[in-house]
Amino acid sequence: MRKTLLYAGGAFNFLLALFHLSFWKTQNWAEELPRLSADNAAIMQVANIVMVYVLLYFSVMSFVIARRVKMDGTAKSILLCIAGFYALRLLAGYPFFGFDMMEAAIWLVCALVIAAYVVALRAT
């Protein structure tokens, strides 16, 4: 079960990284970002690039840890970090995005990802 959850988490994080790579087009950043100051537009883009990097790291580490027979303290801390990342996104959702059905769906996905990584963490 642990391996299945971690492989699924790795695939999910990889797909989410691809989704973030699409933001320049899907979020119409060519028109939207120039409305911000140059510094804020740069911050948005750099933050998104860093987000892609973090999600790819989460993906790779999920696959690497899934292949291990036994998890050590480092592997456990990485899984806890991934769960914490999604917990922060869930908690930041309402103050920054308010409430609508799309945000509620994102909260549900975050909660499921948190649960999957916590279960994988405890299944050692």
N, C-alpha and C. Protein backbone atom coordinates (compact mmCIF):
# COMPACT_ATOMS: atom_id res chain seq x y z
N MET A 1 0.82 -1.20 0.00
CA MET A 1 0.00 0.00 0.00
C MET A 1 0.86 1.26 0.00
N ARG A 2 1.96 1.24 0.80
CA ARG A 2 2.84 2.40 0.86
C ARG A 2 3.41 2.71 -0.51
N LYS A 3 3.88 1.69 -1.20
CA LYS A 3 4.47 1.91 -2.53
C LYS A 3 3.44 2.49 -3.49
N THR A 4 2.24 1.96 -3.47
CA THR A 4 1.19 2.45 -4.37
C THR A 4 0.89 3.92 -4.10
N LEU A 5 0.77 4.29 -2.82
CA LEU A 5 0.50 5.68 -2.47
C LEU A 5 1.64 6.60 -2.92
N LEU A 6 2.87 6.15 -2.73
CA LEU A 6 4.01 6.98 -3.10
C LEU A 6 4.17 7.09 -4.62
N TYR A 7 3.92 6.01 -5.34
CA TYR A 7 3.95 6.09 -6.81
C TYR A 7 2.85 7.03 -7.32
N ALA A 8 1.66 6.93 -6.72
CA ALA A 8 0.57 7.83 -7.11
C ALA A 8 0.93 9.27 -6.77
N GLY A 9 1.52 9.49 -5.60
CA GLY A 9 1.95 10.83 -5.22
C GLY A 9 3.02 11.37 -6.15
N GLY A 10 3.94 10.52 -6.55
CA GLY A 10 4.98 10.94 -7.49
C GLY A 10 4.39 11.35 -8.83
N ALA A 11 3.44 10.56 -9.31
CA ALA A 11 2.79 10.89 -10.58
C ALA A 11 1.98 12.18 -10.45
N PHE A 12 1.27 12.33 -9.34
CA PHE A 12 0.47 13.54 -9.13
C PHE A 12 1.34 14.79 -9.10
N ASN A 13 2.44 14.73 -8.35
CA ASN A 13 3.34 15.89 -8.28
C ASN A 13 3.95 16.22 -9.64
N PHE A 14 4.26 15.19 -10.42
CA PHE A 14 4.79 15.43 -11.77
C PHE A 14 3.75 16.12 -12.64
N LEU A 15 2.52 15.64 -12.59
CA LEU A 15 1.45 16.27 -13.38
C LEU A 15 1.18 17.70 -12.92
N LEU A 16 1.27 17.93 -11.63
CA LEU A 16 1.07 19.28 -11.11
C LEU A 16 2.20 20.21 -11.55
N ALA A 17 3.42 19.68 -11.65
CA ALA A 17 4.53 20.48 -12.17
C ALA A 17 4.27 20.87 -13.63
N LEU A 18 3.78 19.92 -14.43
CA LEU A 18 3.43 20.23 -15.82
C LEU A 18 2.33 21.28 -15.89
N PHE A 19 1.36 21.17 -15.00
CA PHE A 19 0.27 22.15 -14.94
C PHE A 19 0.83 23.55 -14.65
N HIS A 20 1.75 23.64 -13.70
CA HIS A 20 2.34 24.94 -13.38
C HIS A 20 3.17 25.48 -14.54
N LEU A 21 3.78 24.61 -15.31
CA LEU A 21 4.51 25.06 -16.50
C LEU A 21 3.58 25.68 -17.54
N SER A 22 2.32 25.30 -17.50
CA SER A 22 1.35 25.82 -18.47
C SER A 22 0.79 27.18 -18.08
N PHE A 23 1.13 27.70 -16.90
CA PHE A 23 0.53 28.94 -16.42
C PHE A 23 0.75 30.13 -17.36
N TRP A 24 1.88 30.19 -18.02
CA TRP A 24 2.13 31.33 -18.90
C TRP A 24 1.04 31.42 -19.96
N LYS A 25 0.57 30.26 -20.41
CA LYS A 25 -0.47 30.25 -21.44
C LYS A 25 -1.88 30.22 -20.82
N THR A 26 -2.12 29.28 -19.92
CA THR A 26 -3.48 29.09 -19.40
C THR A 26 -3.96 30.26 -18.54
N GLN A 27 -3.03 30.93 -17.88
CA GLN A 27 -3.41 32.06 -17.04
C GLN A 27 -3.23 33.40 -17.78
N ASN A 28 -2.93 33.29 -19.08
CA ASN A 28 -2.81 34.47 -19.94
C ASN A 28 -1.82 35.49 -19.37
N TRP A 29 -0.67 34.99 -18.94
CA TRP A 29 0.30 35.85 -18.30
C TRP A 29 0.89 36.90 -19.24
N ALA A 30 0.85 36.66 -20.55
CA ALA A 30 1.35 37.67 -21.49
C ALA A 30 0.57 38.98 -21.35
N GLU A 31 -0.72 38.87 -21.04
CA GLU A 31 -1.55 40.07 -20.85
C GLU A 31 -1.72 40.44 -19.39
N GLU A 32 -1.78 39.46 -18.51
CA GLU A 32 -2.06 39.72 -17.10
C GLU A 32 -0.85 40.27 -16.34
N LEU A 33 0.33 39.69 -16.56
CA LEU A 33 1.49 40.11 -15.78
C LEU A 33 1.92 41.56 -16.04
N PRO A 34 1.79 42.08 -17.26
CA PRO A 34 2.17 43.49 -17.47
C PRO A 34 1.31 44.47 -16.66
N ARG A 35 0.17 44.02 -16.15
CA ARG A 35 -0.66 44.89 -15.31
C ARG A 35 -0.05 45.09 -13.92
N LEU A 36 0.87 44.20 -13.57
CA LEU A 36 1.58 44.30 -12.29
C LEU A 36 2.83 45.16 -12.48
N SER A 37 3.42 45.55 -11.36
CA SER A 37 4.72 46.22 -11.47
C SER A 37 5.72 45.20 -12.02
N ALA A 38 6.81 45.68 -12.55
CA ALA A 38 7.83 44.78 -13.10
C ALA A 38 8.34 43.82 -12.02
N ASP A 39 8.53 44.34 -10.82
CA ASP A 39 9.01 43.48 -9.73
C ASP A 39 7.99 42.40 -9.37
N ASN A 40 6.72 42.78 -9.26
CA ASN A 40 5.69 41.79 -8.91
C ASN A 40 5.51 40.75 -10.01
N ALA A 41 5.58 41.17 -11.28
CA ALA A 41 5.49 40.21 -12.39
C ALA A 41 6.66 39.23 -12.34
N ALA A 42 7.84 39.74 -12.03
CA ALA A 42 9.02 38.88 -11.93
C ALA A 42 8.87 37.91 -10.76
N ILE A 43 8.37 38.41 -9.63
CA ILE A 43 8.18 37.56 -8.46
C ILE A 43 7.21 36.42 -8.77
N MET A 44 6.13 36.73 -9.46
CA MET A 44 5.15 35.69 -9.83
C MET A 44 5.81 34.60 -10.67
N GLN A 45 6.58 35.02 -11.65
CA GLN A 45 7.19 34.04 -12.55
C GLN A 45 8.28 33.23 -11.86
N VAL A 46 9.11 33.89 -11.06
CA VAL A 46 10.16 33.18 -10.34
C VAL A 46 9.53 32.21 -9.33
N ALA A 47 8.49 32.66 -8.62
CA ALA A 47 7.82 31.78 -7.66
C ALA A 47 7.24 30.56 -8.37
N ASN A 48 6.69 30.74 -9.55
CA ASN A 48 6.14 29.61 -10.29
C ASN A 48 7.24 28.66 -10.76
N ILE A 49 8.37 29.19 -11.19
CA ILE A 49 9.50 28.34 -11.60
C ILE A 49 10.00 27.54 -10.41
N VAL A 50 10.11 28.18 -9.25
CA VAL A 50 10.54 27.48 -8.04
C VAL A 50 9.51 26.42 -7.66
N MET A 51 8.23 26.74 -7.83
CA MET A 51 7.16 25.78 -7.54
C MET A 51 7.31 24.53 -8.42
N VAL A 52 7.60 24.72 -9.69
CA VAL A 52 7.80 23.59 -10.59
C VAL A 52 8.97 22.74 -10.10
N TYR A 53 10.06 23.39 -9.71
CA TYR A 53 11.23 22.68 -9.20
C TYR A 53 10.87 21.86 -7.96
N VAL A 54 10.16 22.46 -7.02
CA VAL A 54 9.77 21.77 -5.78
C VAL A 54 8.87 20.58 -6.10
N LEU A 55 7.90 20.77 -6.99
CA LEU A 55 7.00 19.67 -7.35
C LEU A 55 7.74 18.53 -8.04
N LEU A 56 8.71 18.86 -8.88
CA LEU A 56 9.52 17.81 -9.51
C LEU A 56 10.36 17.07 -8.47
N TYR A 57 10.90 17.81 -7.51
CA TYR A 57 11.64 17.18 -6.41
C TYR A 57 10.72 16.23 -5.63
N PHE A 58 9.53 16.70 -5.29
CA PHE A 58 8.56 15.85 -4.58
C PHE A 58 8.27 14.59 -5.39
N SER A 59 8.13 14.74 -6.69
CA SER A 59 7.84 13.61 -7.56
C SER A 59 8.98 12.59 -7.52
N VAL A 60 10.18 13.06 -7.76
CA VAL A 60 11.34 12.16 -7.79
C VAL A 60 11.52 11.48 -6.43
N MET A 61 11.43 12.25 -5.37
CA MET A 61 11.63 11.66 -4.04
C MET A 61 10.54 10.64 -3.70
N SER A 62 9.32 10.89 -4.15
CA SER A 62 8.25 9.92 -3.92
C SER A 62 8.59 8.59 -4.59
N PHE A 63 9.08 8.66 -5.83
CA PHE A 63 9.45 7.43 -6.53
C PHE A 63 10.65 6.75 -5.87
N VAL A 64 11.64 7.53 -5.47
CA VAL A 64 12.84 6.96 -4.83
C VAL A 64 12.47 6.29 -3.51
N ILE A 65 11.69 6.98 -2.69
CA ILE A 65 11.31 6.43 -1.38
C ILE A 65 10.41 5.20 -1.55
N ALA A 66 9.57 5.18 -2.58
CA ALA A 66 8.69 4.03 -2.81
C ALA A 66 9.50 2.76 -3.08
N ARG A 67 10.67 2.92 -3.66
CA ARG A 67 11.50 1.76 -3.99
C ARG A 67 12.26 1.20 -2.79
N ARG A 68 12.31 1.94 -1.71
CA ARG A 68 13.04 1.49 -0.53
C ARG A 68 12.24 0.43 0.22
N VAL A 69 12.96 -0.51 0.79
CA VAL A 69 12.30 -1.54 1.60
C VAL A 69 11.89 -0.95 2.94
N LYS A 70 12.77 -0.16 3.53
CA LYS A 70 12.50 0.46 4.84
C LYS A 70 12.84 1.94 4.74
N MET A 71 12.03 2.75 5.39
CA MET A 71 12.28 4.19 5.37
C MET A 71 13.12 4.61 6.56
N ASP A 72 14.10 5.48 6.29
CA ASP A 72 14.90 6.04 7.38
C ASP A 72 14.32 7.41 7.76
N GLY A 73 14.99 8.07 8.69
CA GLY A 73 14.52 9.36 9.16
C GLY A 73 14.45 10.42 8.07
N THR A 74 15.40 10.38 7.15
CA THR A 74 15.40 11.36 6.06
C THR A 74 14.19 11.17 5.16
N ALA A 75 13.90 9.94 4.81
CA ALA A 75 12.74 9.66 3.96
C ALA A 75 11.45 10.10 4.65
N LYS A 76 11.36 9.82 5.93
CA LYS A 76 10.17 10.22 6.68
C LYS A 76 10.03 11.73 6.73
N SER A 77 11.15 12.44 6.89
CA SER A 77 11.07 13.90 6.94
C SER A 77 10.67 14.48 5.59
N ILE A 78 11.08 13.84 4.51
CA ILE A 78 10.68 14.31 3.18
C ILE A 78 9.18 14.12 2.98
N LEU A 79 8.66 12.97 3.38
CA LEU A 79 7.21 12.74 3.26
C LEU A 79 6.42 13.71 4.12
N LEU A 80 6.93 13.99 5.30
CA LEU A 80 6.28 14.97 6.18
C LEU A 80 6.31 16.36 5.56
N CYS A 81 7.41 16.70 4.92
CA CYS A 81 7.53 17.99 4.23
C CYS A 81 6.51 18.09 3.09
N ILE A 82 6.35 17.03 2.33
CA ILE A 82 5.38 17.04 1.24
C ILE A 82 3.97 17.23 1.79
N ALA A 83 3.63 16.48 2.84
CA ALA A 83 2.31 16.64 3.46
C ALA A 83 2.13 18.05 4.00
N GLY A 84 3.18 18.61 4.60
CA GLY A 84 3.12 19.97 5.12
C GLY A 84 2.93 21.01 4.03
N PHE A 85 3.57 20.79 2.89
CA PHE A 85 3.42 21.69 1.74
C PHE A 85 1.95 21.78 1.33
N TYR A 86 1.30 20.63 1.20
CA TYR A 86 -0.11 20.61 0.80
C TYR A 86 -1.02 21.14 1.92
N ALA A 87 -0.62 20.94 3.18
CA ALA A 87 -1.39 21.51 4.29
C ALA A 87 -1.33 23.03 4.25
N LEU A 88 -0.16 23.58 3.95
CA LEU A 88 -0.04 25.04 3.82
C LEU A 88 -0.90 25.57 2.69
N ARG A 89 -0.92 24.85 1.56
CA ARG A 89 -1.75 25.29 0.43
C ARG A 89 -3.23 25.24 0.80
N LEU A 90 -3.61 24.20 1.51
CA LEU A 90 -5.01 24.09 1.94
C LEU A 90 -5.37 25.26 2.87
N LEU A 91 -4.53 25.53 3.85
CA LEU A 91 -4.81 26.59 4.82
C LEU A 91 -4.76 27.98 4.21
N ALA A 92 -3.92 28.18 3.20
CA ALA A 92 -3.80 29.49 2.56
C ALA A 92 -4.92 29.74 1.56
N GLY A 93 -5.65 28.71 1.21
CA GLY A 93 -6.68 28.83 0.18
C GLY A 93 -7.73 29.88 0.46
N TYR A 94 -8.33 29.83 1.63
CA TYR A 94 -9.44 30.76 1.90
C TYR A 94 -8.98 32.22 1.97
N PRO A 95 -7.92 32.53 2.73
CA PRO A 95 -7.52 33.94 2.80
C PRO A 95 -7.12 34.54 1.45
N PHE A 96 -6.53 33.73 0.58
CA PHE A 96 -6.03 34.27 -0.69
C PHE A 96 -6.99 34.12 -1.86
N PHE A 97 -7.81 33.07 -1.85
CA PHE A 97 -8.69 32.82 -2.99
C PHE A 97 -10.17 32.88 -2.64
N GLY A 98 -10.50 32.98 -1.35
CA GLY A 98 -11.90 32.98 -0.97
C GLY A 98 -12.48 31.59 -1.12
N PHE A 99 -13.80 31.54 -1.24
CA PHE A 99 -14.44 30.24 -1.37
C PHE A 99 -15.30 30.20 -2.62
N ASP A 100 -15.07 29.21 -3.44
CA ASP A 100 -15.95 28.85 -4.55
C ASP A 100 -15.76 27.36 -4.79
N MET A 101 -16.47 26.82 -5.72
CA MET A 101 -16.42 25.36 -5.93
C MET A 101 -15.04 24.91 -6.41
N MET A 102 -14.37 25.71 -7.23
CA MET A 102 -13.03 25.33 -7.69
C MET A 102 -12.06 25.27 -6.51
N GLU A 103 -12.12 26.26 -5.66
CA GLU A 103 -11.22 26.27 -4.49
C GLU A 103 -11.57 25.11 -3.55
N ALA A 104 -12.83 24.81 -3.39
CA ALA A 104 -13.23 23.67 -2.56
C ALA A 104 -12.68 22.37 -3.14
N ALA A 105 -12.68 22.24 -4.45
CA ALA A 105 -12.11 21.05 -5.10
C ALA A 105 -10.61 20.97 -4.84
N ILE A 106 -9.94 22.11 -4.88
CA ILE A 106 -8.49 22.14 -4.60
C ILE A 106 -8.24 21.73 -3.15
N TRP A 107 -9.09 22.22 -2.22
CA TRP A 107 -8.94 21.83 -0.82
C TRP A 107 -9.11 20.33 -0.66
N LEU A 108 -10.08 19.76 -1.36
CA LEU A 108 -10.31 18.32 -1.28
C LEU A 108 -9.09 17.55 -1.79
N VAL A 109 -8.55 17.99 -2.91
CA VAL A 109 -7.37 17.33 -3.47
C VAL A 109 -6.20 17.44 -2.49
N CYS A 110 -5.99 18.63 -1.92
CA CYS A 110 -4.91 18.81 -0.94
C CYS A 110 -5.11 17.88 0.25
N ALA A 111 -6.33 17.79 0.75
CA ALA A 111 -6.62 16.91 1.89
C ALA A 111 -6.33 15.45 1.54
N LEU A 112 -6.67 15.03 0.34
CA LEU A 112 -6.41 13.65 -0.08
C LEU A 112 -4.91 13.39 -0.20
N VAL A 113 -4.18 14.35 -0.74
CA VAL A 113 -2.72 14.20 -0.87
C VAL A 113 -2.09 14.13 0.52
N ILE A 114 -2.52 15.00 1.42
CA ILE A 114 -2.00 14.97 2.79
C ILE A 114 -2.27 13.60 3.40
N ALA A 115 -3.49 13.12 3.28
CA ALA A 115 -3.85 11.83 3.85
C ALA A 115 -3.00 10.70 3.26
N ALA A 116 -2.80 10.73 1.96
CA ALA A 116 -2.01 9.68 1.30
C ALA A 116 -0.58 9.66 1.82
N TYR A 117 0.05 10.83 1.95
CA TYR A 117 1.43 10.88 2.42
C TYR A 117 1.53 10.54 3.90
N VAL A 118 0.55 10.91 4.70
CA VAL A 118 0.56 10.55 6.13
C VAL A 118 0.39 9.04 6.28
N VAL A 119 -0.51 8.45 5.50
CA VAL A 119 -0.69 7.00 5.55
C VAL A 119 0.60 6.30 5.11
N ALA A 120 1.22 6.80 4.04
CA ALA A 120 2.49 6.21 3.58
C ALA A 120 3.57 6.35 4.64
N LEU A 121 3.56 7.47 5.33
CA LEU A 121 4.53 7.72 6.39
C LEU A 121 4.35 6.75 7.54
N ARG A 122 3.12 6.48 7.89
CA ARG A 122 2.81 5.61 9.02
C ARG A 122 2.93 4.13 8.65
N ALA A 123 2.96 3.82 7.37
CA ALA A 123 3.00 2.42 6.92
C ALA A 123 4.44 1.92 6.82
N THR A 124 5.28 2.35 7.74
CA THR A 124 6.69 1.93 7.68
C THR A 124 6.96 0.77 8.59
